[in-house]
C-alpha atoms as a PDB file:
ATOM      1  CA  MET A   1     122.062 280.718-102.233  1.00  0.00           C
ATOM      2  CA  GLU A   2     119.998 279.885 -99.229  1.00  0.00           C
ATOM      3  CA  THR A   3     120.810 277.039 -96.909  1.00  0.00           C
ATOM      4  CA  ILE A   4     119.401 273.631 -97.612  1.00  0.00           C
ATOM      5  CA  GLY A   5     116.307 272.996 -95.489  1.00  0.00           C
ATOM      6  CA  ILE A   6     116.535 269.214 -95.643  1.00  0.00           C
ATOM      7  CA  LYS A   7     118.287 268.974 -92.271  1.00  0.00           C
ATOM      8  CA  SER A   8     115.056 269.544 -90.413  1.00  0.00           C
ATOM      9  CA  ARG A   9     113.369 266.765 -92.380  1.00  0.00           C
ATOM     10  CA  ILE A  10     115.862 264.082 -91.403  1.00  0.00           C
ATOM     11  CA  ASP A  11     115.664 264.753 -87.683  1.00  0.00           C
ATOM     12  CA  GLY A  12     113.010 262.054 -87.544  1.00  0.00           C
ATOM     13  CA  ILE A  13     115.344 259.352 -88.880  1.00  0.00           C
ATOM     14  CA  SER A  14     115.970 256.719 -86.258  1.00  0.00           C
ATOM     15  CA  ASN A  15     119.448 256.037 -84.953  1.00  0.00           C
ATOM     16  CA  PHE A  16     120.152 253.276 -87.422  1.00  0.00           C
ATOM     17  CA  SER A  17     123.654 252.046 -86.647  1.00  0.00           C
ATOM     18  CA  LEU A  18     126.212 250.703 -89.097  1.00  0.00           C
ATOM     19  CA  GLU A  19     127.836 248.719 -86.295  1.00  0.00           C
ATOM     20  CA  GLY A  20     128.899 245.228 -87.212  1.00  0.00           C
ATOM     21  CA  LYS A  21     128.524 245.729 -90.947  1.00  0.00           C
ATOM     22  CA  LYS A  22     131.303 244.196 -93.035  1.00  0.00           C
ATOM     23  CA  GLY A  23     133.875 246.697 -94.300  1.00  0.00           C
ATOM     24  CA  ILE A  24     132.790 249.530 -92.000  1.00  0.00           C
ATOM     25  CA  SER A  25     135.445 250.897 -89.677  1.00  0.00           C
ATOM     26  CA  ASN A  26     134.728 251.154 -85.954  1.00  0.00           C
ATOM     27  CA  GLU A  27     134.826 254.941 -86.130  1.00  0.00           C
ATOM     28  CA  LYS A  28     131.977 255.034 -88.659  1.00  0.00           C
ATOM     29  CA  ALA A  29     130.132 252.142 -87.015  1.00  0.00           C
ATOM     30  CA  GLU A  30     129.420 254.152 -83.877  1.00  0.00           C
ATOM     31  CA  LYS A  31     127.756 256.997 -85.775  1.00  0.00           C
ATOM     32  CA  PRO A  32     123.993 256.805 -86.366  1.00  0.00           C
ATOM     33  CA  PHE A  33     122.821 256.936 -89.971  1.00  0.00           C
ATOM     34  CA  GLY A  34     120.881 260.161 -89.379  1.00  0.00           C
ATOM     35  CA  ASP A  35     124.014 261.928 -88.124  1.00  0.00           C
ATOM     36  CA  VAL A  36     126.038 260.790 -91.131  1.00  0.00           C
ATOM     37  CA  LEU A  37     123.294 262.077 -93.397  1.00  0.00           C
ATOM     38  CA  LYS A  38     123.142 265.433 -91.596  1.00  0.00           C
ATOM     39  CA  GLU A  39     126.923 265.869 -91.865  1.00  0.00           C
ATOM     40  CA  SER A  40     126.838 265.057 -95.562  1.00  0.00           C
ATOM     41  CA  ILE A  41     124.093 267.588 -96.194  1.00  0.00           C
ATOM     42  CA  GLY A  42     126.066 270.175 -94.217  1.00  0.00           C
ATOM     43  CA  GLU A  43     129.117 269.509 -96.375  1.00  0.00           C
ATOM     44  CA  VAL A  44     127.068 269.958 -99.564  1.00  0.00           C
ATOM     45  CA  ASN A  45     125.711 273.216 -98.181  1.00  0.00           C
ATOM     46  CA  ARG A  46     129.233 274.405 -97.314  1.00  0.00           C
ATOM     47  CA  LEU A  47     130.431 273.685-100.855  1.00  0.00           C
ATOM     48  CA  GLN A  48     127.427 275.527-102.309  1.00  0.00           C
ATOM     49  CA  ASN A  49     128.188 278.560-100.131  1.00  0.00           C
ATOM     50  CA  GLU A  50     131.864 278.503-101.133  1.00  0.00           C
ATOM     51  CA  ALA A  51     130.922 278.392-104.814  1.00  0.00           C
ATOM     52  CA  GLU A  52     128.529 281.300-104.369  1.00  0.00           C
ATOM     53  CA  LYS A  53     131.184 283.357-102.579  1.00  0.00           C
ATOM     54  CA  ALA A  54     133.779 282.564-105.251  1.00  0.00           C
ATOM     55  CA  THR A  55     131.325 283.599-107.981  1.00  0.00           C
ATOM     56  CA  LYS A  56     130.556 286.877-106.225  1.00  0.00           C
ATOM     57  CA  ASP A  57     134.267 287.557-105.731  1.00  0.00           C
ATOM     58  CA  LEU A  58     134.885 286.940-109.431  1.00  0.00           C
ATOM     59  CA  ALA A  59     132.047 289.289-110.408  1.00  0.00           C
ATOM     60  CA  LEU A  60     133.406 291.990-108.090  1.00  0.00           C
ATOM     61  CA  GLY A  61     136.950 291.574-109.408  1.00  0.00           C
ATOM     62  CA  LYS A  62     138.323 290.216-106.124  1.00  0.00           C
ATOM     63  CA  ALA A  63     139.164 286.768-107.564  1.00  0.00           C
ATOM     64  CA  GLU A  64     142.030 286.624-110.032  1.00  0.00           C
ATOM     65  CA  ASN A  65     141.860 282.971-111.006  1.00  0.00           C
ATOM     66  CA  ILE A  66     138.738 281.901-112.877  1.00  0.00           C
ATOM     67  CA  HIS A  67     139.904 278.292-112.704  1.00  0.00           C
ATOM     68  CA  ASP A  68     139.491 278.183-108.926  1.00  0.00           C
ATOM     69  CA  VAL A  69     135.993 279.609-109.263  1.00  0.00           C
ATOM     70  CA  MET A  70     135.054 276.992-111.853  1.00  0.00           C
ATOM     71  CA  ILE A  71     136.515 274.201-109.722  1.00  0.00           C
ATOM     72  CA  SER A  72     134.529 275.314-106.667  1.00  0.00           C
ATOM     73  CA  MET A  73     131.356 275.495-108.770  1.00  0.00           C
ATOM     74  CA  GLU A  74     131.935 271.995-110.146  1.00  0.00           C
ATOM     75  CA  LYS A  75     132.625 270.586-106.673  1.00  0.00           C
ATOM     76  CA  ALA A  76     129.370 272.080-105.458  1.00  0.00           C
ATOM     77  CA  GLY A  77     127.471 270.774-108.476  1.00  0.00           C
ATOM     78  CA  VAL A  78     128.856 267.248-108.253  1.00  0.00           C
ATOM     79  CA  SER A  79     128.251 267.033-104.509  1.00  0.00           C
ATOM     80  CA  PHE A  80     124.663 268.256-104.963  1.00  0.00           C
ATOM     81  CA  ARG A  81     123.982 265.717-107.717  1.00  0.00           C
ATOM     82  CA  LEU A  82     125.424 262.957-105.530  1.00  0.00           C
ATOM     83  CA  MET A  83     123.227 264.037-102.627  1.00  0.00           C
ATOM     84  CA  MET A  84     120.175 263.942-104.897  1.00  0.00           C
ATOM     85  CA  GLN A  85     121.056 260.417-106.062  1.00  0.00           C
ATOM     86  CA  VAL A  86     121.438 259.270-102.455  1.00  0.00           C
ATOM     87  CA  ARG A  87     118.062 260.837-101.684  1.00  0.00           C
ATOM     88  CA  ASN A  88     116.523 259.025-104.648  1.00  0.00           C
ATOM     89  CA  LYS A  89     117.946 255.689-103.453  1.00  0.00           C
ATOM     90  CA  ILE A  90     116.613 256.264 -99.934  1.00  0.00           C
ATOM     91  CA  ILE A  91     113.170 257.024-101.334  1.00  0.00           C
ATOM     92  CA  GLU A  92     113.302 253.922-103.540  1.00  0.00           C
ATOM     93  CA  ALA A  93     114.261 251.782-100.543  1.00  0.00           C
ATOM     94  CA  TYR A  94     111.436 253.270 -98.478  1.00  0.00           C
ATOM     95  CA  GLN A  95     108.932 252.612-101.261  1.00  0.00           C
ATOM     96  CA  GLU A  96     110.169 249.036-101.587  1.00  0.00           C
ATOM     97  CA  VAL A  97     109.690 248.447 -97.851  1.00  0.00           C
ATOM     98  CA  MET A  98     106.189 249.910 -98.082  1.00  0.00           C
ATOM     99  CA  ARG A  99     105.357 247.562-100.985  1.00  0.00           C
ATOM    100  CA  MET A 100     106.529 244.573 -98.940  1.00  0.00           C
ATOM    101  CA  GLN A 101     104.133 245.455 -96.121  1.00  0.00           C
ATOM    102  CA  VAL A 102     101.044 245.313 -98.330  1.00  0.00           C
END
């Protein structure tokens, strides 16, 4: 699997801060939204790469436990679906803001 090329697209996101928002810890509040998004995409990519490696190892006979391979594939799949839902919500929010400006 090739790396996800979305990272370059979110470089233009402004440094929206979560600071002062209710229920957000100080550690997370200091991190810009774009950085949090980049880290999340990197984590999804890492899980995808792990799943690919586990699948290759299973095919080559290096992996003995098919359960671990299936678990890594499911983790990668769930994290990717979650990322896509977050993307969809961001797009919906953007479209809503654009509708308000008309």
